[in-house]
mmCIF file of all heavy atoms, coordinates in Angstrom:
data_MODEL
# 
_entry.id   MODEL 
# 
loop_
_atom_site.group_PDB 
_atom_site.id 
_atom_site.type_symbol 
_atom_site.label_atom_id 
_atom_site.label_alt_id 
_atom_site.label_comp_id 
_atom_site.label_asym_id 
_atom_site.label_entity_id 
_atom_site.label_seq_id 
_atom_site.pdbx_PDB_ins_code 
_atom_site.Cartn_x 
_atom_site.Cartn_y 
_atom_site.Cartn_z 
_atom_site.occupancy 
_atom_site.B_iso_or_equiv 
_atom_site.pdbx_formal_charge 
_atom_site.auth_seq_id 
_atom_site.auth_comp_id 
_atom_site.auth_asym_id 
_atom_site.auth_atom_id 
_atom_site.pdbx_PDB_model_num 
ATOM 1   N N   . ILE A 1 1  ? -38.824 72.318 189.559 1.00 0.00 ? 1  ILE A N   1 
ATOM 2   C CA  . ILE A 1 1  ? -38.111 72.791 188.313 1.00 0.00 ? 1  ILE A CA  1 
ATOM 3   C C   . ILE A 1 1  ? -36.865 73.522 188.778 1.00 0.00 ? 1  ILE A C   1 
ATOM 4   O O   . ILE A 1 1  ? -35.790 73.240 188.284 1.00 0.00 ? 1  ILE A O   1 
ATOM 5   C CB  . ILE A 1 1  ? -38.922 73.763 187.535 1.00 0.00 ? 1  ILE A CB  1 
ATOM 6   C CG1 . ILE A 1 1  ? -40.194 73.038 186.950 1.00 0.00 ? 1  ILE A CG1 1 
ATOM 7   C CG2 . ILE A 1 1  ? -38.126 74.434 186.393 1.00 0.00 ? 1  ILE A CG2 1 
ATOM 8   C CD1 . ILE A 1 1  ? -41.210 73.993 186.433 1.00 0.00 ? 1  ILE A CD1 1 
ATOM 9   N N   . ARG A 1 2  ? -36.885 74.347 189.784 1.00 0.00 ? 2  ARG A N   1 
ATOM 10  C CA  . ARG A 1 2  ? -35.912 75.229 190.168 1.00 0.00 ? 2  ARG A CA  1 
ATOM 11  C C   . ARG A 1 2  ? -34.855 74.635 191.034 1.00 0.00 ? 2  ARG A C   1 
ATOM 12  O O   . ARG A 1 2  ? -33.581 74.959 190.999 1.00 0.00 ? 2  ARG A O   1 
ATOM 13  C CB  . ARG A 1 2  ? -36.479 76.519 190.783 1.00 0.00 ? 2  ARG A CB  1 
ATOM 14  C CG  . ARG A 1 2  ? -35.621 77.643 191.185 1.00 0.00 ? 2  ARG A CG  1 
ATOM 15  C CD  . ARG A 1 2  ? -36.294 78.678 191.933 1.00 0.00 ? 2  ARG A CD  1 
ATOM 16  N NE  . ARG A 1 2  ? -37.050 78.086 193.091 1.00 0.00 ? 2  ARG A NE  1 
ATOM 17  C CZ  . ARG A 1 2  ? -38.157 78.363 193.573 1.00 0.00 ? 2  ARG A CZ  1 
ATOM 18  N NH1 . ARG A 1 2  ? -38.983 79.229 192.858 1.00 0.00 ? 2  ARG A NH1 1 
ATOM 19  N NH2 . ARG A 1 2  ? -38.664 77.790 194.577 1.00 0.00 ? 2  ARG A NH2 1 
ATOM 20  N N   . ASP A 1 3  ? -35.246 73.734 191.954 1.00 0.00 ? 3  ASP A N   1 
ATOM 21  C CA  . ASP A 1 3  ? -34.368 73.175 192.993 1.00 0.00 ? 3  ASP A CA  1 
ATOM 22  C C   . ASP A 1 3  ? -33.757 71.816 192.810 1.00 0.00 ? 3  ASP A C   1 
ATOM 23  O O   . ASP A 1 3  ? -33.115 71.308 193.657 1.00 0.00 ? 3  ASP A O   1 
ATOM 24  C CB  . ASP A 1 3  ? -35.113 73.197 194.242 1.00 0.00 ? 3  ASP A CB  1 
ATOM 25  C CG  . ASP A 1 3  ? -35.534 74.635 194.656 1.00 0.00 ? 3  ASP A CG  1 
ATOM 26  O OD1 . ASP A 1 3  ? -34.858 75.671 194.241 1.00 0.00 ? 3  ASP A OD1 1 
ATOM 27  O OD2 . ASP A 1 3  ? -36.433 74.792 195.475 1.00 0.00 ? 3  ASP A OD2 1 
ATOM 28  N N   . PHE A 1 4  ? -34.105 71.241 191.600 1.00 0.00 ? 4  PHE A N   1 
ATOM 29  C CA  . PHE A 1 4  ? -33.586 69.847 191.465 1.00 0.00 ? 4  PHE A CA  1 
ATOM 30  C C   . PHE A 1 4  ? -32.510 69.837 190.464 1.00 0.00 ? 4  PHE A C   1 
ATOM 31  O O   . PHE A 1 4  ? -32.411 70.448 189.375 1.00 0.00 ? 4  PHE A O   1 
ATOM 32  C CB  . PHE A 1 4  ? -34.775 69.001 190.844 1.00 0.00 ? 4  PHE A CB  1 
ATOM 33  C CG  . PHE A 1 4  ? -34.578 67.515 190.955 1.00 0.00 ? 4  PHE A CG  1 
ATOM 34  C CD1 . PHE A 1 4  ? -34.711 66.815 192.105 1.00 0.00 ? 4  PHE A CD1 1 
ATOM 35  C CD2 . PHE A 1 4  ? -34.219 66.804 189.820 1.00 0.00 ? 4  PHE A CD2 1 
ATOM 36  C CE1 . PHE A 1 4  ? -34.394 65.481 192.276 1.00 0.00 ? 4  PHE A CE1 1 
ATOM 37  C CE2 . PHE A 1 4  ? -33.964 65.486 189.906 1.00 0.00 ? 4  PHE A CE2 1 
ATOM 38  C CZ  . PHE A 1 4  ? -34.090 64.789 191.162 1.00 0.00 ? 4  PHE A CZ  1 
ATOM 39  N N   . TRP A 1 5  ? -31.505 69.014 190.757 1.00 0.00 ? 5  TRP A N   1 
ATOM 40  C CA  . TRP A 1 5  ? -30.270 68.951 189.900 1.00 0.00 ? 5  TRP A CA  1 
ATOM 41  C C   . TRP A 1 5  ? -30.653 68.386 188.587 1.00 0.00 ? 5  TRP A C   1 
ATOM 42  O O   . TRP A 1 5  ? -31.583 67.736 188.378 1.00 0.00 ? 5  TRP A O   1 
ATOM 43  C CB  . TRP A 1 5  ? -29.211 68.071 190.554 1.00 0.00 ? 5  TRP A CB  1 
ATOM 44  C CG  . TRP A 1 5  ? -29.665 66.646 190.801 1.00 0.00 ? 5  TRP A CG  1 
ATOM 45  C CD1 . TRP A 1 5  ? -30.220 66.196 191.971 1.00 0.00 ? 5  TRP A CD1 1 
ATOM 46  C CD2 . TRP A 1 5  ? -29.458 65.497 189.973 1.00 0.00 ? 5  TRP A CD2 1 
ATOM 47  N NE1 . TRP A 1 5  ? -30.536 64.883 191.835 1.00 0.00 ? 5  TRP A NE1 1 
ATOM 48  C CE2 . TRP A 1 5  ? -30.069 64.469 190.651 1.00 0.00 ? 5  TRP A CE2 1 
ATOM 49  C CE3 . TRP A 1 5  ? -29.008 65.361 188.761 1.00 0.00 ? 5  TRP A CE3 1 
ATOM 50  C CZ2 . TRP A 1 5  ? -30.092 63.188 190.057 1.00 0.00 ? 5  TRP A CZ2 1 
ATOM 51  C CZ3 . TRP A 1 5  ? -28.997 64.072 188.155 1.00 0.00 ? 5  TRP A CZ3 1 
ATOM 52  C CH2 . TRP A 1 5  ? -29.569 63.012 188.865 1.00 0.00 ? 5  TRP A CH2 1 
ATOM 53  N N   . ARG A 1 6  ? -29.793 68.603 187.605 1.00 0.00 ? 6  ARG A N   1 
ATOM 54  C CA  . ARG A 1 6  ? -30.013 68.213 186.129 1.00 0.00 ? 6  ARG A CA  1 
ATOM 55  C C   . ARG A 1 6  ? -28.758 67.367 185.710 1.00 0.00 ? 6  ARG A C   1 
ATOM 56  O O   . ARG A 1 6  ? -27.584 67.709 186.089 1.00 0.00 ? 6  ARG A O   1 
ATOM 57  C CB  . ARG A 1 6  ? -30.195 69.366 185.288 1.00 0.00 ? 6  ARG A CB  1 
ATOM 58  C CG  . ARG A 1 6  ? -31.421 70.164 185.524 1.00 0.00 ? 6  ARG A CG  1 
ATOM 59  C CD  . ARG A 1 6  ? -32.708 69.476 185.190 1.00 0.00 ? 6  ARG A CD  1 
ATOM 60  N NE  . ARG A 1 6  ? -33.773 70.342 185.046 1.00 0.00 ? 6  ARG A NE  1 
ATOM 61  C CZ  . ARG A 1 6  ? -34.458 70.825 186.108 1.00 0.00 ? 6  ARG A CZ  1 
ATOM 62  N NH1 . ARG A 1 6  ? -34.138 70.614 187.313 1.00 0.00 ? 6  ARG A NH1 1 
ATOM 63  N NH2 . ARG A 1 6  ? -35.529 71.542 185.848 1.00 0.00 ? 6  ARG A NH2 1 
ATOM 64  N N   . VAL A 1 7  ? -29.043 66.552 184.808 1.00 0.00 ? 7  VAL A N   1 
ATOM 65  C CA  . VAL A 1 7  ? -28.036 65.918 183.994 1.00 0.00 ? 7  VAL A CA  1 
ATOM 66  C C   . VAL A 1 7  ? -28.073 66.626 182.593 1.00 0.00 ? 7  VAL A C   1 
ATOM 67  O O   . VAL A 1 7  ? -29.211 66.765 182.062 1.00 0.00 ? 7  VAL A O   1 
ATOM 68  C CB  . VAL A 1 7  ? -28.348 64.402 183.772 1.00 0.00 ? 7  VAL A CB  1 
ATOM 69  C CG1 . VAL A 1 7  ? -27.312 63.730 182.776 1.00 0.00 ? 7  VAL A CG1 1 
ATOM 70  C CG2 . VAL A 1 7  ? -28.372 63.656 185.163 1.00 0.00 ? 7  VAL A CG2 1 
ATOM 71  N N   . CYS A 1 8  ? -26.916 66.960 182.056 1.00 0.00 ? 8  CYS A N   1 
ATOM 72  C CA  . CYS A 1 8  ? -26.981 67.582 180.757 1.00 0.00 ? 8  CYS A CA  1 
ATOM 73  C C   . CYS A 1 8  ? -25.734 67.130 179.842 1.00 0.00 ? 8  CYS A C   1 
ATOM 74  O O   . CYS A 1 8  ? -24.798 66.499 180.385 1.00 0.00 ? 8  CYS A O   1 
ATOM 75  C CB  . CYS A 1 8  ? -26.877 69.090 180.912 1.00 0.00 ? 8  CYS A CB  1 
ATOM 76  S SG  . CYS A 1 8  ? -25.392 69.735 181.829 1.00 0.00 ? 8  CYS A SG  1 
ATOM 77  N N   . SER A 1 9  ? -25.864 67.349 178.599 1.00 0.00 ? 9  SER A N   1 
ATOM 78  C CA  . SER A 1 9  ? -24.830 66.925 177.679 1.00 0.00 ? 9  SER A CA  1 
ATOM 79  C C   . SER A 1 9  ? -24.902 67.832 176.492 1.00 0.00 ? 9  SER A C   1 
ATOM 80  O O   . SER A 1 9  ? -25.772 68.551 176.302 1.00 0.00 ? 9  SER A O   1 
ATOM 81  C CB  . SER A 1 9  ? -25.139 65.538 177.219 1.00 0.00 ? 9  SER A CB  1 
ATOM 82  O OG  . SER A 1 9  ? -24.189 65.082 176.291 1.00 0.00 ? 9  SER A OG  1 
ATOM 83  N N   . GLY A 1 10 ? -23.672 67.927 175.760 1.00 0.00 ? 10 GLY A N   1 
ATOM 84  C CA  . GLY A 1 10 ? -23.570 68.774 174.627 1.00 0.00 ? 10 GLY A CA  1 
ATOM 85  C C   . GLY A 1 10 ? -22.876 68.050 173.497 1.00 0.00 ? 10 GLY A C   1 
ATOM 86  O O   . GLY A 1 10 ? -22.081 67.089 173.811 1.00 0.00 ? 10 GLY A O   1 
ATOM 87  N N   . CYS A 1 11 ? -23.068 68.379 172.335 1.00 0.00 ? 11 CYS A N   1 
ATOM 88  C CA  . CYS A 1 11 ? -22.418 67.750 171.146 1.00 0.00 ? 11 CYS A CA  1 
ATOM 89  C C   . CYS A 1 11 ? -20.983 68.069 170.968 1.00 0.00 ? 11 CYS A C   1 
ATOM 90  O O   . CYS A 1 11 ? -20.277 67.417 170.424 1.00 0.00 ? 11 CYS A O   1 
ATOM 91  C CB  . CYS A 1 11 ? -23.240 67.985 169.864 1.00 0.00 ? 11 CYS A CB  1 
ATOM 92  S SG  . CYS A 1 11 ? -23.239 69.799 169.335 1.00 0.00 ? 11 CYS A SG  1 
ATOM 93  N N   . THR A 1 12 ? -20.565 69.182 171.687 1.00 0.00 ? 12 THR A N   1 
ATOM 94  C CA  . THR A 1 12 ? -19.178 69.613 171.678 1.00 0.00 ? 12 THR A CA  1 
ATOM 95  C C   . THR A 1 12 ? -18.851 70.063 173.100 1.00 0.00 ? 12 THR A C   1 
ATOM 96  O O   . THR A 1 12 ? -19.722 70.412 173.891 1.00 0.00 ? 12 THR A O   1 
ATOM 97  C CB  . THR A 1 12 ? -18.992 70.820 170.596 1.00 0.00 ? 12 THR A CB  1 
ATOM 98  O OG1 . THR A 1 12 ? -19.765 71.868 171.139 1.00 0.00 ? 12 THR A OG1 1 
ATOM 99  C CG2 . THR A 1 12 ? -19.313 70.455 169.273 1.00 0.00 ? 12 THR A CG2 1 
ATOM 100 N N   . PRO A 1 13 ? -17.609 70.171 173.490 1.00 0.00 ? 13 PRO A N   1 
ATOM 101 C CA  . PRO A 1 13 ? -17.238 70.751 174.730 1.00 0.00 ? 13 PRO A CA  1 
ATOM 102 C C   . PRO A 1 13 ? -17.804 72.134 174.931 1.00 0.00 ? 13 PRO A C   1 
ATOM 103 O O   . PRO A 1 13 ? -18.293 72.445 176.069 1.00 0.00 ? 13 PRO A O   1 
ATOM 104 C CB  . PRO A 1 13 ? -15.729 70.739 174.762 1.00 0.00 ? 13 PRO A CB  1 
ATOM 105 C CG  . PRO A 1 13 ? -15.264 69.637 173.807 1.00 0.00 ? 13 PRO A CG  1 
ATOM 106 C CD  . PRO A 1 13 ? -16.342 69.698 172.662 1.00 0.00 ? 13 PRO A CD  1 
ATOM 107 N N   . GLU A 1 14 ? -17.789 73.018 173.928 1.00 0.00 ? 14 GLU A N   1 
ATOM 108 C CA  . GLU A 1 14 ? -18.362 74.334 174.077 1.00 0.00 ? 14 GLU A CA  1 
ATOM 109 C C   . GLU A 1 14 ? -19.818 74.307 174.396 1.00 0.00 ? 14 GLU A C   1 
ATOM 110 O O   . GLU A 1 14 ? -20.474 75.010 175.208 1.00 0.00 ? 14 GLU A O   1 
ATOM 111 C CB  . GLU A 1 14 ? -18.132 75.131 172.813 1.00 0.00 ? 14 GLU A CB  1 
ATOM 112 C CG  . GLU A 1 14 ? -18.666 76.598 172.913 1.00 0.00 ? 14 GLU A CG  1 
ATOM 113 C CD  . GLU A 1 14 ? -18.561 77.448 171.710 1.00 0.00 ? 14 GLU A CD  1 
ATOM 114 O OE1 . GLU A 1 14 ? -17.995 77.016 170.720 1.00 0.00 ? 14 GLU A OE1 1 
ATOM 115 O OE2 . GLU A 1 14 ? -18.907 78.596 171.812 1.00 0.00 ? 14 GLU A OE2 1 
ATOM 116 N N   . ALA A 1 15 ? -20.591 73.412 173.685 1.00 0.00 ? 15 ALA A N   1 
ATOM 117 C CA  . ALA A 1 15 ? -21.995 73.325 173.903 1.00 0.00 ? 15 ALA A CA  1 
ATOM 118 C C   . ALA A 1 15 ? -22.175 72.816 175.287 1.00 0.00 ? 15 ALA A C   1 
ATOM 119 O O   . ALA A 1 15 ? -23.198 73.306 176.086 1.00 0.00 ? 15 ALA A O   1 
ATOM 120 C CB  . ALA A 1 15 ? -22.643 72.310 172.941 1.00 0.00 ? 15 ALA A CB  1 
ATOM 121 N N   . ARG A 1 16 ? -21.525 71.841 175.820 1.00 0.00 ? 16 ARG A N   1 
ATOM 122 C CA  . ARG A 1 16 ? -21.704 71.317 177.101 1.00 0.00 ? 16 ARG A CA  1 
ATOM 123 C C   . ARG A 1 16 ? -21.417 72.493 178.205 1.00 0.00 ? 16 ARG A C   1 
ATOM 124 O O   . ARG A 1 16 ? -22.125 72.645 179.103 1.00 0.00 ? 16 ARG A O   1 
ATOM 125 C CB  . ARG A 1 16 ? -20.763 70.155 177.387 1.00 0.00 ? 16 ARG A CB  1 
ATOM 126 C CG  . ARG A 1 16 ? -20.926 69.557 178.887 1.00 0.00 ? 16 ARG A CG  1 
ATOM 127 C CD  . ARG A 1 16 ? -19.912 68.519 179.087 1.00 0.00 ? 16 ARG A CD  1 
ATOM 128 N NE  . ARG A 1 16 ? -18.537 68.931 178.884 1.00 0.00 ? 16 ARG A NE  1 
ATOM 129 C CZ  . ARG A 1 16 ? -17.837 69.618 179.743 1.00 0.00 ? 16 ARG A CZ  1 
ATOM 130 N NH1 . ARG A 1 16 ? -18.317 70.008 180.833 1.00 0.00 ? 16 ARG A NH1 1 
ATOM 131 N NH2 . ARG A 1 16 ? -16.583 69.970 179.488 1.00 0.00 ? 16 ARG A NH2 1 
ATOM 132 N N   . GLU A 1 17 ? -20.322 73.237 177.940 1.00 0.00 ? 17 GLU A N   1 
ATOM 133 C CA  . GLU A 1 17 ? -20.012 74.256 178.954 1.00 0.00 ? 17 GLU A CA  1 
ATOM 134 C C   . GLU A 1 17 ? -21.063 75.314 178.943 1.00 0.00 ? 17 GLU A C   1 
ATOM 135 O O   . GLU A 1 17 ? -21.397 75.892 180.032 1.00 0.00 ? 17 GLU A O   1 
ATOM 136 C CB  . GLU A 1 17 ? -18.688 74.976 178.464 1.00 0.00 ? 17 GLU A CB  1 
ATOM 137 C CG  . GLU A 1 17 ? -17.421 74.047 178.719 1.00 0.00 ? 17 GLU A CG  1 
ATOM 138 C CD  . GLU A 1 17 ? -16.210 74.530 178.055 1.00 0.00 ? 17 GLU A CD  1 
ATOM 139 O OE1 . GLU A 1 17 ? -16.218 75.683 177.537 1.00 0.00 ? 17 GLU A OE1 1 
ATOM 140 O OE2 . GLU A 1 17 ? -15.231 73.754 177.990 1.00 0.00 ? 17 GLU A OE2 1 
ATOM 141 N N   . ARG A 1 18 ? -21.604 75.630 177.786 1.00 0.00 ? 18 ARG A N   1 
ATOM 142 C CA  . ARG A 1 18 ? -22.763 76.666 177.785 1.00 0.00 ? 18 ARG A CA  1 
ATOM 143 C C   . ARG A 1 18 ? -23.983 76.190 178.418 1.00 0.00 ? 18 ARG A C   1 
ATOM 144 O O   . ARG A 1 18 ? -24.692 77.058 179.075 1.00 0.00 ? 18 ARG A O   1 
ATOM 145 C CB  . ARG A 1 18 ? -22.929 77.148 176.291 1.00 0.00 ? 18 ARG A CB  1 
ATOM 146 C CG  . ARG A 1 18 ? -21.721 77.893 175.792 1.00 0.00 ? 18 ARG A CG  1 
ATOM 147 C CD  . ARG A 1 18 ? -21.724 78.337 174.393 1.00 0.00 ? 18 ARG A CD  1 
ATOM 148 N NE  . ARG A 1 18 ? -22.651 79.501 174.190 1.00 0.00 ? 18 ARG A NE  1 
ATOM 149 C CZ  . ARG A 1 18 ? -22.788 80.196 173.164 1.00 0.00 ? 18 ARG A CZ  1 
ATOM 150 N NH1 . ARG A 1 18 ? -22.027 79.827 172.074 1.00 0.00 ? 18 ARG A NH1 1 
ATOM 151 N NH2 . ARG A 1 18 ? -23.577 81.199 173.082 1.00 0.00 ? 18 ARG A NH2 1 
ATOM 152 N N   . VAL A 1 19 ? -24.328 74.945 178.365 1.00 0.00 ? 19 VAL A N   1 
ATOM 153 C CA  . VAL A 1 19 ? -25.546 74.416 178.941 1.00 0.00 ? 19 VAL A CA  1 
ATOM 154 C C   . VAL A 1 19 ? -25.318 74.352 180.450 1.00 0.00 ? 19 VAL A C   1 
ATOM 155 O O   . VAL A 1 19 ? -26.210 74.704 181.147 1.00 0.00 ? 19 VAL A O   1 
ATOM 156 C CB  . VAL A 1 19 ? -26.058 73.162 178.319 1.00 0.00 ? 19 VAL A CB  1 
ATOM 157 C CG1 . VAL A 1 19 ? -25.235 71.932 178.769 1.00 0.00 ? 19 VAL A CG1 1 
ATOM 158 C CG2 . VAL A 1 19 ? -27.523 72.865 178.743 1.00 0.00 ? 19 VAL A CG2 1 
ATOM 159 N N   . VAL A 1 20 ? -24.178 73.932 180.887 1.00 0.00 ? 20 VAL A N   1 
ATOM 160 C CA  . VAL A 1 20 ? -23.842 73.905 182.346 1.00 0.00 ? 20 VAL A CA  1 
ATOM 161 C C   . VAL A 1 20 ? -23.896 75.388 182.934 1.00 0.00 ? 20 VAL A C   1 
ATOM 162 O O   . VAL A 1 20 ? -24.567 75.609 183.946 1.00 0.00 ? 20 VAL A O   1 
ATOM 163 C CB  . VAL A 1 20 ? -22.418 73.357 182.584 1.00 0.00 ? 20 VAL A CB  1 
ATOM 164 C CG1 . VAL A 1 20 ? -22.019 73.578 184.050 1.00 0.00 ? 20 VAL A CG1 1 
ATOM 165 C CG2 . VAL A 1 20 ? -22.551 71.844 182.309 1.00 0.00 ? 20 VAL A CG2 1 
ATOM 166 N N   . LYS A 1 21 ? -23.332 76.342 182.208 1.00 0.00 ? 21 LYS A N   1 
ATOM 167 C CA  . LYS A 1 21 ? -23.404 77.757 182.580 1.00 0.00 ? 21 LYS A CA  1 
ATOM 168 C C   . LYS A 1 21 ? -24.920 78.211 182.702 1.00 0.00 ? 21 LYS A C   1 
ATOM 169 O O   . LYS A 1 21 ? -25.265 78.912 183.717 1.00 0.00 ? 21 LYS A O   1 
ATOM 170 C CB  . LYS A 1 21 ? -22.577 78.691 181.682 1.00 0.00 ? 21 LYS A CB  1 
ATOM 171 C CG  . LYS A 1 21 ? -22.594 80.153 182.051 1.00 0.00 ? 21 LYS A CG  1 
ATOM 172 C CD  . LYS A 1 21 ? -21.781 80.917 181.022 1.00 0.00 ? 21 LYS A CD  1 
ATOM 173 C CE  . LYS A 1 21 ? -21.670 82.364 181.473 1.00 0.00 ? 21 LYS A CE  1 
ATOM 174 N NZ  . LYS A 1 21 ? -22.807 83.118 181.280 1.00 0.00 ? 21 LYS A NZ  1 
ATOM 175 N N   . PHE A 1 22 ? -25.692 77.981 181.738 1.00 0.00 ? 22 PHE A N   1 
ATOM 176 C CA  . PHE A 1 22 ? -27.057 78.261 181.709 1.00 0.00 ? 22 PHE A CA  1 
ATOM 177 C C   . PHE A 1 22 ? -27.782 77.703 182.898 1.00 0.00 ? 22 PHE A C   1 
ATOM 178 O O   . PHE A 1 22 ? -28.519 78.378 183.674 1.00 0.00 ? 22 PHE A O   1 
ATOM 179 C CB  . PHE A 1 22 ? -27.772 77.851 180.437 1.00 0.00 ? 22 PHE A CB  1 
ATOM 180 C CG  . PHE A 1 22 ? -29.272 78.080 180.371 1.00 0.00 ? 22 PHE A CG  1 
ATOM 181 C CD1 . PHE A 1 22 ? -29.847 79.287 180.326 1.00 0.00 ? 22 PHE A CD1 1 
ATOM 182 C CD2 . PHE A 1 22 ? -30.082 77.004 180.609 1.00 0.00 ? 22 PHE A CD2 1 
ATOM 183 C CE1 . PHE A 1 22 ? -31.204 79.506 180.340 1.00 0.00 ? 22 PHE A CE1 1 
ATOM 184 C CE2 . PHE A 1 22 ? -31.447 77.110 180.650 1.00 0.00 ? 22 PHE A CE2 1 
ATOM 185 C CZ  . PHE A 1 22 ? -32.025 78.431 180.505 1.00 0.00 ? 22 PHE A CZ  1 
ATOM 186 N N   . LEU A 1 23 ? -27.674 76.327 183.063 1.00 0.00 ? 23 LEU A N   1 
ATOM 187 C CA  . LEU A 1 23 ? -28.385 75.693 184.089 1.00 0.00 ? 23 LEU A CA  1 
ATOM 188 C C   . LEU A 1 23 ? -27.867 76.227 185.523 1.00 0.00 ? 23 LEU A C   1 
ATOM 189 O O   . LEU A 1 23 ? -28.751 76.449 186.429 1.00 0.00 ? 23 LEU A O   1 
ATOM 190 C CB  . LEU A 1 23 ? -28.167 74.263 184.076 1.00 0.00 ? 23 LEU A CB  1 
ATOM 191 C CG  . LEU A 1 23 ? -28.887 73.446 182.949 1.00 0.00 ? 23 LEU A CG  1 
ATOM 192 C CD1 . LEU A 1 23 ? -28.373 72.067 182.918 1.00 0.00 ? 23 LEU A CD1 1 
ATOM 193 C CD2 . LEU A 1 23 ? -30.351 73.638 183.064 1.00 0.00 ? 23 LEU A CD2 1 
ATOM 194 N N   . ASN A 1 24 ? -26.605 76.592 185.672 1.00 0.00 ? 24 ASN A N   1 
ATOM 195 C CA  . ASN A 1 24 ? -26.189 77.111 186.991 1.00 0.00 ? 24 ASN A CA  1 
ATOM 196 C C   . ASN A 1 24 ? -26.730 78.537 187.244 1.00 0.00 ? 24 ASN A C   1 
ATOM 197 O O   . ASN A 1 24 ? -26.771 78.971 188.319 1.00 0.00 ? 24 ASN A O   1 
ATOM 198 C CB  . ASN A 1 24 ? -24.598 77.147 187.012 1.00 0.00 ? 24 ASN A CB  1 
ATOM 199 C CG  . ASN A 1 24 ? -24.126 75.774 187.342 1.00 0.00 ? 24 ASN A CG  1 
ATOM 200 O OD1 . ASN A 1 24 ? -24.685 74.939 188.148 1.00 0.00 ? 24 ASN A OD1 1 
ATOM 201 N ND2 . ASN A 1 24 ? -23.001 75.470 186.778 1.00 0.00 ? 24 ASN A ND2 1 
# 
């Protein structure tokens, strides 16, 4: 869970940026 990279997407640029920030 902790050490594996993720693919993510958001419905808007802000949503994408926030999910990337969270995952990082």
